[in-house]
Amino acid sequence: MKRTGMIRQLDELGRLTLPIELRRSMDLSQHDALEITLENDAIVLRKYEPNCIFCGSMRDLRTLRGKQVCRSCREALRDEEF
């Protein structure tokens, strides 16, 4: 993991402000979503990129009952017998 040398403190509500240098390097804009995960003893922030819940594709997504599903998985679901 690359260290930046930047230190920030949490405010009284537990919020953290990301320095402009980090936001620019990650191409983050106001209101962009971040994915927060724990990896070992580290908190990892990633720019959220929606993907298909079945195959992980980021192309041709549509929302189906609140979940993102790509075209090929939608077609596979349509052809599936239940």
PDB file of N, CA and C in Angstrom:
ATOM      1  N   MET A   1       0.845  -1.176   0.000  1.00  0.00           N
ATOM      2  CA  MET A   1       0.000   0.000   0.000  1.00  0.00           C
ATOM      3  C   MET A   1       0.889   1.236   0.000  1.00  0.00           C
ATOM      4  N   LYS A   2       0.601   2.171  -0.858  1.00  0.00           N
ATOM      5  CA  LYS A   2       1.393   3.399  -0.978  1.00  0.00           C
ATOM      6  C   LYS A   2       1.021   4.383   0.126  1.00  0.00           C
ATOM      7  N   ARG A   3       2.008   4.896   0.812  1.00  0.00           N
ATOM      8  CA  ARG A   3       1.776   5.911   1.855  1.00  0.00           C
ATOM      9  C   ARG A   3       1.838   7.302   1.227  1.00  0.00           C
ATOM     10  N   THR A   4       0.958   8.179   1.695  1.00  0.00           N
ATOM     11  CA  THR A   4       0.918   9.532   1.137  1.00  0.00           C
ATOM     12  C   THR A   4       1.617  10.555   2.023  1.00  0.00           C
ATOM     13  N   GLY A   5       1.776  10.245   3.307  1.00  0.00           N
ATOM     14  CA  GLY A   5       2.364  11.205   4.232  1.00  0.00           C
ATOM     15  C   GLY A   5       1.360  12.226   4.733  1.00  0.00           C
ATOM     16  N   MET A   6       0.102  12.097   4.332  1.00  0.00           N
ATOM     17  CA  MET A   6      -0.945  13.022   4.767  1.00  0.00           C
ATOM     18  C   MET A   6      -1.642  12.458   5.998  1.00  0.00           C
ATOM     19  N   ILE A   7      -1.861  13.293   6.983  1.00  0.00           N
ATOM     20  CA  ILE A   7      -2.547  12.898   8.214  1.00  0.00           C
ATOM     21  C   ILE A   7      -3.781  13.778   8.352  1.00  0.00           C
ATOM     22  N   ARG A   8      -4.916  13.155   8.644  1.00  0.00           N
ATOM     23  CA  ARG A   8      -6.159  13.886   8.886  1.00  0.00           C
ATOM     24  C   ARG A   8      -6.817  13.336  10.141  1.00  0.00           C
ATOM     25  N   GLN A   9      -7.502  14.188  10.890  1.00  0.00           N
ATOM     26  CA  GLN A   9      -8.203  13.760  12.095  1.00  0.00           C
ATOM     27  C   GLN A   9      -9.696  13.645  11.807  1.00  0.00           C
ATOM     28  N   LEU A  10     -10.340  12.712  12.492  1.00  0.00           N
ATOM     29  CA  LEU A  10     -11.790  12.596  12.411  1.00  0.00           C
ATOM     30  C   LEU A  10     -12.418  13.744  13.180  1.00  0.00           C
ATOM     31  N   ASP A  11     -13.549  14.247  12.693  1.00  0.00           N
ATOM     32  CA  ASP A  11     -14.251  15.281  13.450  1.00  0.00           C
ATOM     33  C   ASP A  11     -15.149  14.614  14.493  1.00  0.00           C
ATOM     34  N   GLU A  12     -15.933  15.429  15.219  1.00  0.00           N
ATOM     35  CA  GLU A  12     -16.751  14.903  16.323  1.00  0.00           C
ATOM     36  C   GLU A  12     -17.816  13.918  15.856  1.00  0.00           C
ATOM     37  N   LEU A  13     -18.157  13.907  14.564  1.00  0.00           N
ATOM     38  CA  LEU A  13     -19.133  12.957  14.025  1.00  0.00           C
ATOM     39  C   LEU A  13     -18.473  11.771  13.316  1.00  0.00           C
ATOM     40  N   GLY A  14     -17.150  11.683  13.396  1.00  0.00           N
ATOM     41  CA  GLY A  14     -16.429  10.574  12.781  1.00  0.00           C
ATOM     42  C   GLY A  14     -16.147  10.770  11.302  1.00  0.00           C
ATOM     43  N   ARG A  15     -16.308  11.997  10.825  1.00  0.00           N
ATOM     44  CA  ARG A  15     -16.078  12.276   9.403  1.00  0.00           C
ATOM     45  C   ARG A  15     -14.620  12.603   9.141  1.00  0.00           C
ATOM     46  N   LEU A  16     -14.238  12.375   7.886  1.00  0.00           N
ATOM     47  CA  LEU A  16     -12.871  12.615   7.444  1.00  0.00           C
ATOM     48  C   LEU A  16     -12.931  13.389   6.133  1.00  0.00           C
ATOM     49  N   THR A  17     -12.114  14.407   5.995  1.00  0.00           N
ATOM     50  CA  THR A  17     -12.026  15.147   4.746  1.00  0.00           C
ATOM     51  C   THR A  17     -10.837  14.640   3.962  1.00  0.00           C
ATOM     52  N   LEU A  18     -11.086  14.241   2.716  1.00  0.00           N
ATOM     53  CA  LEU A  18      -9.999  13.769   1.862  1.00  0.00           C
ATOM     54  C   LEU A  18      -9.309  14.960   1.218  1.00  0.00           C
ATOM     55  N   PRO A  19      -8.002  15.009   1.283  1.00  0.00           N
ATOM     56  CA  PRO A  19      -7.269  16.117   0.666  1.00  0.00           C
ATOM     57  C   PRO A  19      -7.534  16.186  -0.840  1.00  0.00           C
ATOM     58  N   ILE A  20      -7.506  17.402  -1.366  1.00  0.00           N
ATOM     59  CA  ILE A  20      -7.786  17.633  -2.781  1.00  0.00           C
ATOM     60  C   ILE A  20      -6.845  16.829  -3.681  1.00  0.00           C
ATOM     61  N   GLU A  21      -5.600  16.642  -3.252  1.00  0.00           N
ATOM     62  CA  GLU A  21      -4.651  15.872  -4.064  1.00  0.00           C
ATOM     63  C   GLU A  21      -5.126  14.438  -4.269  1.00  0.00           C
ATOM     64  N   LEU A  22      -5.655  13.826  -3.199  1.00  0.00           N
ATOM     65  CA  LEU A  22      -6.181  12.466  -3.310  1.00  0.00           C
ATOM     66  C   LEU A  22      -7.436  12.422  -4.177  1.00  0.00           C
ATOM     67  N   ARG A  23      -8.329  13.389  -3.982  1.00  0.00           N
ATOM     68  CA  ARG A  23      -9.560  13.414  -4.782  1.00  0.00           C
ATOM     69  C   ARG A  23      -9.243  13.576  -6.256  1.00  0.00           C
ATOM     70  N   ARG A  24      -8.285  14.418  -6.570  1.00  0.00           N
ATOM     71  CA  ARG A  24      -7.901  14.610  -7.978  1.00  0.00           C
ATOM     72  C   ARG A  24      -7.266  13.346  -8.547  1.00  0.00           C
ATOM     73  N   SER A  25      -6.383  12.712  -7.777  1.00  0.00           N
ATOM     74  CA  SER A  25      -5.707  11.517  -8.284  1.00  0.00           C
ATOM     75  C   SER A  25      -6.679  10.357  -8.482  1.00  0.00           C
ATOM     76  N   MET A  26      -7.777  10.323  -7.717  1.00  0.00           N
ATOM     77  CA  MET A  26      -8.781   9.270  -7.866  1.00  0.00           C
ATOM     78  C   MET A  26      -9.951   9.708  -8.740  1.00  0.00           C
ATOM     79  N   ASP A  27      -9.862  10.918  -9.311  1.00  0.00           N
ATOM     80  CA  ASP A  27     -10.933  11.468 -10.148  1.00  0.00           C
ATOM     81  C   ASP A  27     -12.269  11.471  -9.410  1.00  0.00           C
ATOM     82  N   LEU A  28     -12.245  11.948  -8.143  1.00  0.00           N
ATOM     83  CA  LEU A  28     -13.442  12.028  -7.326  1.00  0.00           C
ATOM     84  C   LEU A  28     -14.044  13.420  -7.418  1.00  0.00           C
ATOM     85  N   SER A  29     -15.349  13.454  -7.600  1.00  0.00           N
ATOM     86  CA  SER A  29     -16.088  14.711  -7.634  1.00  0.00           C
ATOM     87  C   SER A  29     -17.053  14.731  -6.454  1.00  0.00           C
ATOM     88  N   GLN A  30     -17.607  15.905  -6.201  1.00  0.00           N
ATOM     89  CA  GLN A  30     -18.589  16.044  -5.139  1.00  0.00           C
ATOM     90  C   GLN A  30     -19.739  15.068  -5.402  1.00  0.00           C
ATOM     91  N   HIS A  31     -20.187  14.387  -4.375  1.00  0.00           N
ATOM     92  CA  HIS A  31     -21.297  13.424  -4.408  1.00  0.00           C
ATOM     93  C   HIS A  31     -20.944  12.074  -5.039  1.00  0.00           C
ATOM     94  N   ASP A  32     -19.680  11.841  -5.439  1.00  0.00           N
ATOM     95  CA  ASP A  32     -19.290  10.508  -5.900  1.00  0.00           C
ATOM     96  C   ASP A  32     -19.368   9.536  -4.723  1.00  0.00           C
ATOM     97  N   ALA A  33     -19.682   8.296  -5.020  1.00  0.00           N
ATOM     98  CA  ALA A  33     -19.777   7.275  -3.980  1.00  0.00           C
ATOM     99  C   ALA A  33     -18.425   6.591  -3.801  1.00  0.00           C
ATOM    100  N   LEU A  34     -18.111   6.277  -2.551  1.00  0.00           N
ATOM    101  CA  LEU A  34     -16.905   5.531  -2.223  1.00  0.00           C
ATOM    102  C   LEU A  34     -17.303   4.205  -1.597  1.00  0.00           C
ATOM    103  N   GLU A  35     -16.585   3.161  -1.959  1.00  0.00           N
ATOM    104  CA  GLU A  35     -16.768   1.854  -1.340  1.00  0.00           C
ATOM    105  C   GLU A  35     -15.757   1.749  -0.209  1.00  0.00           C
ATOM    106  N   ILE A  36     -16.216   1.350   0.971  1.00  0.00           N
ATOM    107  CA  ILE A  36     -15.357   1.251   2.148  1.00  0.00           C
ATOM    108  C   ILE A  36     -15.256  -0.218   2.533  1.00  0.00           C
ATOM    109  N   THR A  37     -14.033  -0.731   2.584  1.00  0.00           N
ATOM    110  CA  THR A  37     -13.821  -2.129   2.968  1.00  0.00           C
ATOM    111  C   THR A  37     -12.718  -2.211   4.006  1.00  0.00           C
ATOM    112  N   LEU A  38     -12.691  -3.320   4.711  1.00  0.00           N
ATOM    113  CA  LEU A  38     -11.617  -3.617   5.655  1.00  0.00           C
ATOM    114  C   LEU A  38     -10.765  -4.711   5.054  1.00  0.00           C
ATOM    115  N   GLU A  39      -9.463  -4.483   5.008  1.00  0.00           N
ATOM    116  CA  GLU A  39      -8.521  -5.488   4.537  1.00  0.00           C
ATOM    117  C   GLU A  39      -7.434  -5.616   5.587  1.00  0.00           C
ATOM    118  N   ASN A  40      -7.449  -6.750   6.263  1.00  0.00           N
ATOM    119  CA  ASN A  40      -6.568  -6.982   7.406  1.00  0.00           C
ATOM    120  C   ASN A  40      -6.779  -5.882   8.428  1.00  0.00           C
ATOM    121  N   ASP A  41      -5.796  -5.047   8.666  1.00  0.00           N
ATOM    122  CA  ASP A  41      -5.945  -3.980   9.661  1.00  0.00           C
ATOM    123  C   ASP A  41      -6.066  -2.611   9.007  1.00  0.00           C
ATOM    124  N   ALA A  42      -6.486  -2.562   7.740  1.00  0.00           N
ATOM    125  CA  ALA A  42      -6.558  -1.296   7.011  1.00  0.00           C
ATOM    126  C   ALA A  42      -7.982  -1.008   6.524  1.00  0.00           C
ATOM    127  N   ILE A  43      -8.357   0.248   6.565  1.00  0.00           N
ATOM    128  CA  ILE A  43      -9.606   0.707   5.956  1.00  0.00           C
ATOM    129  C   ILE A  43      -9.259   1.146   4.537  1.00  0.00           C
ATOM    130  N   VAL A  44      -9.938   0.577   3.559  1.00  0.00           N
ATOM    131  CA  VAL A  44      -9.630   0.856   2.163  1.00  0.00           C
ATOM    132  C   VAL A  44     -10.812   1.578   1.521  1.00  0.00           C
ATOM    133  N   LEU A  45     -10.515   2.717   0.880  1.00  0.00           N
ATOM    134  CA  LEU A  45     -11.531   3.493   0.153  1.00  0.00           C
ATOM    135  C   LEU A  45     -11.299   3.319  -1.339  1.00  0.00           C
ATOM    136  N   ARG A  46     -12.362   2.989  -2.072  1.00  0.00           N
ATOM    137  CA  ARG A  46     -12.289   2.881  -3.526  1.00  0.00           C
ATOM    138  C   ARG A  46     -13.453   3.642  -4.122  1.00  0.00           C
ATOM    139  N   LYS A  47     -13.217   4.244  -5.264  1.00  0.00           N
ATOM    140  CA  LYS A  47     -14.308   4.881  -5.977  1.00  0.00           C
ATOM    141  C   LYS A  47     -15.295   3.788  -6.373  1.00  0.00           C
ATOM    142  N   TYR A  48     -16.566   3.985  -6.041  1.00  0.00           N
ATOM    143  CA  TYR A  48     -17.572   2.967  -6.317  1.00  0.00           C
ATOM    144  C   TYR A  48     -17.884   2.930  -7.806  1.00  0.00           C
ATOM    145  N   GLU A  49     -17.763   1.769  -8.369  1.00  0.00           N
ATOM    146  CA  GLU A  49     -18.111   1.526  -9.762  1.00  0.00           C
ATOM    147  C   GLU A  49     -19.172   0.441  -9.766  1.00  0.00           C
ATOM    148  N   PRO A  50     -20.407   0.759 -10.148  1.00  0.00           N
ATOM    149  CA  PRO A  50     -21.447  -0.274 -10.135  1.00  0.00           C
ATOM    150  C   PRO A  50     -21.098  -1.411 -11.083  1.00  0.00           C
ATOM    151  N   ASN A  51     -21.436  -2.634 -10.674  1.00  0.00           N
ATOM    152  CA  ASN A  51     -21.184  -3.795 -11.528  1.00  0.00           C
ATOM    153  C   ASN A  51     -22.282  -4.830 -11.331  1.00  0.00           C
ATOM    154  N   CYS A  52     -22.351  -5.766 -12.234  1.00  0.00           N
ATOM    155  CA  CYS A  52     -23.350  -6.827 -12.215  1.00  0.00           C
ATOM    156  C   CYS A  52     -23.158  -7.693 -10.977  1.00  0.00           C
ATOM    157  N   ILE A  53     -24.247  -7.990 -10.279  1.00  0.00           N
ATOM    158  CA  ILE A  53     -24.143  -8.798  -9.063  1.00  0.00           C
ATOM    159  C   ILE A  53     -23.808 -10.255  -9.369  1.00  0.00           C
ATOM    160  N   PHE A  54     -23.985 -10.683 -10.612  1.00  0.00           N
ATOM    161  CA  PHE A  54     -23.705 -12.076 -10.969  1.00  0.00           C
ATOM    162  C   PHE A  54     -22.298 -12.270 -11.527  1.00  0.00           C
ATOM    163  N   CYS A  55     -21.910 -11.459 -12.507  1.00  0.00           N
ATOM    164  CA  CYS A  55     -20.637 -11.706 -13.194  1.00  0.00           C
ATOM    165  C   CYS A  55     -19.599 -10.605 -12.979  1.00  0.00           C
ATOM    166  N   GLY A  56     -20.003  -9.458 -12.417  1.00  0.00           N
ATOM    167  CA  GLY A  56     -19.055  -8.376 -12.149  1.00  0.00           C
ATOM    168  C   GLY A  56     -18.855  -7.407 -13.300  1.00  0.00           C
ATOM    169  N   SER A  57     -19.526  -7.632 -14.421  1.00  0.00           N
ATOM    170  CA  SER A  57     -19.387  -6.751 -15.576  1.00  0.00           C
ATOM    171  C   SER A  57     -19.875  -5.338 -15.243  1.00  0.00           C
ATOM    172  N   MET A  58     -19.268  -4.350 -15.896  1.00  0.00           N
ATOM    173  CA  MET A  58     -19.688  -2.958 -15.703  1.00  0.00           C
ATOM    174  C   MET A  58     -20.366  -2.408 -16.959  1.00  0.00           C
ATOM    175  N   ARG A  59     -20.697  -3.284 -17.914  1.00  0.00           N
ATOM    176  CA  ARG A  59     -21.280  -2.843 -19.184  1.00  0.00           C
ATOM    177  C   ARG A  59     -22.759  -3.199 -19.261  1.00  0.00           C
ATOM    178  N   ASP A  60     -23.517  -2.338 -19.891  1.00  0.00           N
ATOM    179  CA  ASP A  60     -24.947  -2.573 -20.156  1.00  0.00           C
ATOM    180  C   ASP A  60     -25.732  -2.923 -18.893  1.00  0.00           C
ATOM    181  N   LEU A  61     -25.526  -2.153 -17.827  1.00  0.00           N
ATOM    182  CA  LEU A  61     -26.198  -2.431 -16.560  1.00  0.00           C
ATOM    183  C   LEU A  61     -27.600  -1.849 -16.533  1.00  0.00           C
ATOM    184  N   ARG A  62     -28.491  -2.578 -15.913  1.00  0.00           N
ATOM    185  CA  ARG A  62     -29.840  -2.107 -15.614  1.00  0.00           C
ATOM    186  C   ARG A  62     -30.152  -2.511 -14.179  1.00  0.00           C
ATOM    187  N   THR A  63     -31.040  -1.776 -13.560  1.00  0.00           N
ATOM    188  CA  THR A  63     -31.436  -2.092 -12.201  1.00  0.00           C
ATOM    189  C   THR A  63     -32.610  -3.055 -12.224  1.00  0.00           C
ATOM    190  N   LEU A  64     -32.463  -4.166 -11.530  1.00  0.00           N
ATOM    191  CA  LEU A  64     -33.502  -5.172 -11.425  1.00  0.00           C
ATOM    192  C   LEU A  64     -33.741  -5.420  -9.947  1.00  0.00           C
ATOM    193  N   ARG A  65     -34.893  -4.977  -9.474  1.00  0.00           N
ATOM    194  CA  ARG A  65     -35.241  -5.103  -8.047  1.00  0.00           C
ATOM    195  C   ARG A  65     -34.142  -4.559  -7.144  1.00  0.00           C
ATOM    196  N   GLY A  66     -33.609  -3.401  -7.520  1.00  0.00           N
ATOM    197  CA  GLY A  66     -32.605  -2.713  -6.717  1.00  0.00           C
ATOM    198  C   GLY A  66     -31.182  -3.199  -6.894  1.00  0.00           C
ATOM    199  N   LYS A  67     -30.947  -4.158  -7.770  1.00  0.00           N
ATOM    200  CA  LYS A  67     -29.610  -4.701  -8.009  1.00  0.00           C
ATOM    201  C   LYS A  67     -29.201  -4.447  -9.448  1.00  0.00           C
ATOM    202  N   GLN A  68     -27.904  -4.242  -9.679  1.00  0.00           N
ATOM    203  CA  GLN A  68     -27.377  -4.026 -11.023  1.00  0.00           C
ATOM    204  C   GLN A  68     -27.143  -5.377 -11.701  1.00  0.00           C
ATOM    205  N   VAL A  69     -27.706  -5.538 -12.916  1.00  0.00           N
ATOM    206  CA  VAL A  69     -27.559  -6.777 -13.676  1.00  0.00           C
ATOM    207  C   VAL A  69     -27.219  -6.406 -15.118  1.00  0.00           C
ATOM    208  N   CYS A  70     -26.197  -7.056 -15.678  1.00  0.00           N
ATOM    209  CA  CYS A  70     -25.786  -6.763 -17.054  1.00  0.00           C
ATOM    210  C   CYS A  70     -26.721  -7.458 -18.050  1.00  0.00           C
ATOM    211  N   ARG A  71     -26.596  -7.094 -19.312  1.00  0.00           N
ATOM    212  CA  ARG A  71     -27.463  -7.624 -20.356  1.00  0.00           C
ATOM    213  C   ARG A  71     -27.351  -9.144 -20.478  1.00  0.00           C
ATOM    214  N   SER A  72     -26.126  -9.671 -20.507  1.00  0.00           N
ATOM    215  CA  SER A  72     -25.985 -11.120 -20.701  1.00  0.00           C
ATOM    216  C   SER A  72     -26.573 -11.902 -19.520  1.00  0.00           C
ATOM    217  N   CYS A  73     -26.436 -11.406 -18.318  1.00  0.00           N
ATOM    218  CA  CYS A  73     -27.032 -12.086 -17.164  1.00  0.00           C
ATOM    219  C   CYS A  73     -28.548 -11.943 -17.162  1.00  0.00           C
ATOM    220  N   ARG A  74     -29.071 -10.794 -17.611  1.00  0.00           N
ATOM    221  CA  ARG A  74     -30.527 -10.650 -17.727  1.00  0.00           C
ATOM    222  C   ARG A  74     -31.080 -11.658 -18.722  1.00  0.00           C
ATOM    223  N   GLU A  75     -30.374 -11.821 -19.840  1.00  0.00           N
ATOM    224  CA  GLU A  75     -30.809 -12.792 -20.845  1.00  0.00           C
ATOM    225  C   GLU A  75     -30.733 -14.213 -20.301  1.00  0.00           C
ATOM    226  N   ALA A  76     -29.681 -14.514 -19.546  1.00  0.00           N
ATOM    227  CA  ALA A  76     -29.544 -15.847 -18.961  1.00  0.00           C
ATOM    228  C   ALA A  76     -30.669 -16.097 -17.955  1.00  0.00           C
ATOM    229  N   LEU A  77     -31.016 -15.075 -17.169  1.00  0.00           N
ATOM    230  CA  LEU A  77     -32.115 -15.213 -16.199  1.00  0.00           C
ATOM    231  C   LEU A  77     -33.439 -15.432 -16.924  1.00  0.00           C
ATOM    232  N   ARG A  78     -33.640 -14.729 -18.014  1.00  0.00           N
ATOM    233  CA  ARG A  78     -34.882 -14.840 -18.773  1.00  0.00           C
ATOM    234  C   ARG A  78     -35.013 -16.269 -19.344  1.00  0.00           C
ATOM    235  N   ASP A  79     -33.906 -16.869 -19.758  1.00  0.00           N
ATOM    236  CA  ASP A  79     -33.915 -18.201 -20.360  1.00  0.00           C
ATOM    237  C   ASP A  79     -33.963 -19.326 -19.310  1.00  0.00           C
ATOM    238  N   GLU A  80     -33.647 -18.999 -18.070  1.00  0.00           N
ATOM    239  CA  GLU A  80     -33.584 -20.000 -17.001  1.00  0.00           C
ATOM    240  C   GLU A  80     -34.984 -20.476 -16.614  1.00  0.00           C
ATOM    241  N   GLU A  81     -35.121 -21.759 -16.413  1.00  0.00           N
ATOM    242  CA  GLU A  81     -36.391 -22.313 -15.928  1.00  0.00           C
ATOM    243  C   GLU A  81     -36.327 -22.463 -14.425  1.00  0.00           C
ATOM    244  N   PHE A  82     -37.357 -21.993 -13.757  1.00  0.00           N
ATOM    245  CA  PHE A  82     -37.387 -22.071 -12.297  1.00  0.00           C
ATOM    246  C   PHE A  82     -38.382 -23.109 -11.852  1.00  0.00           C
TER     247      PHE A  82
END
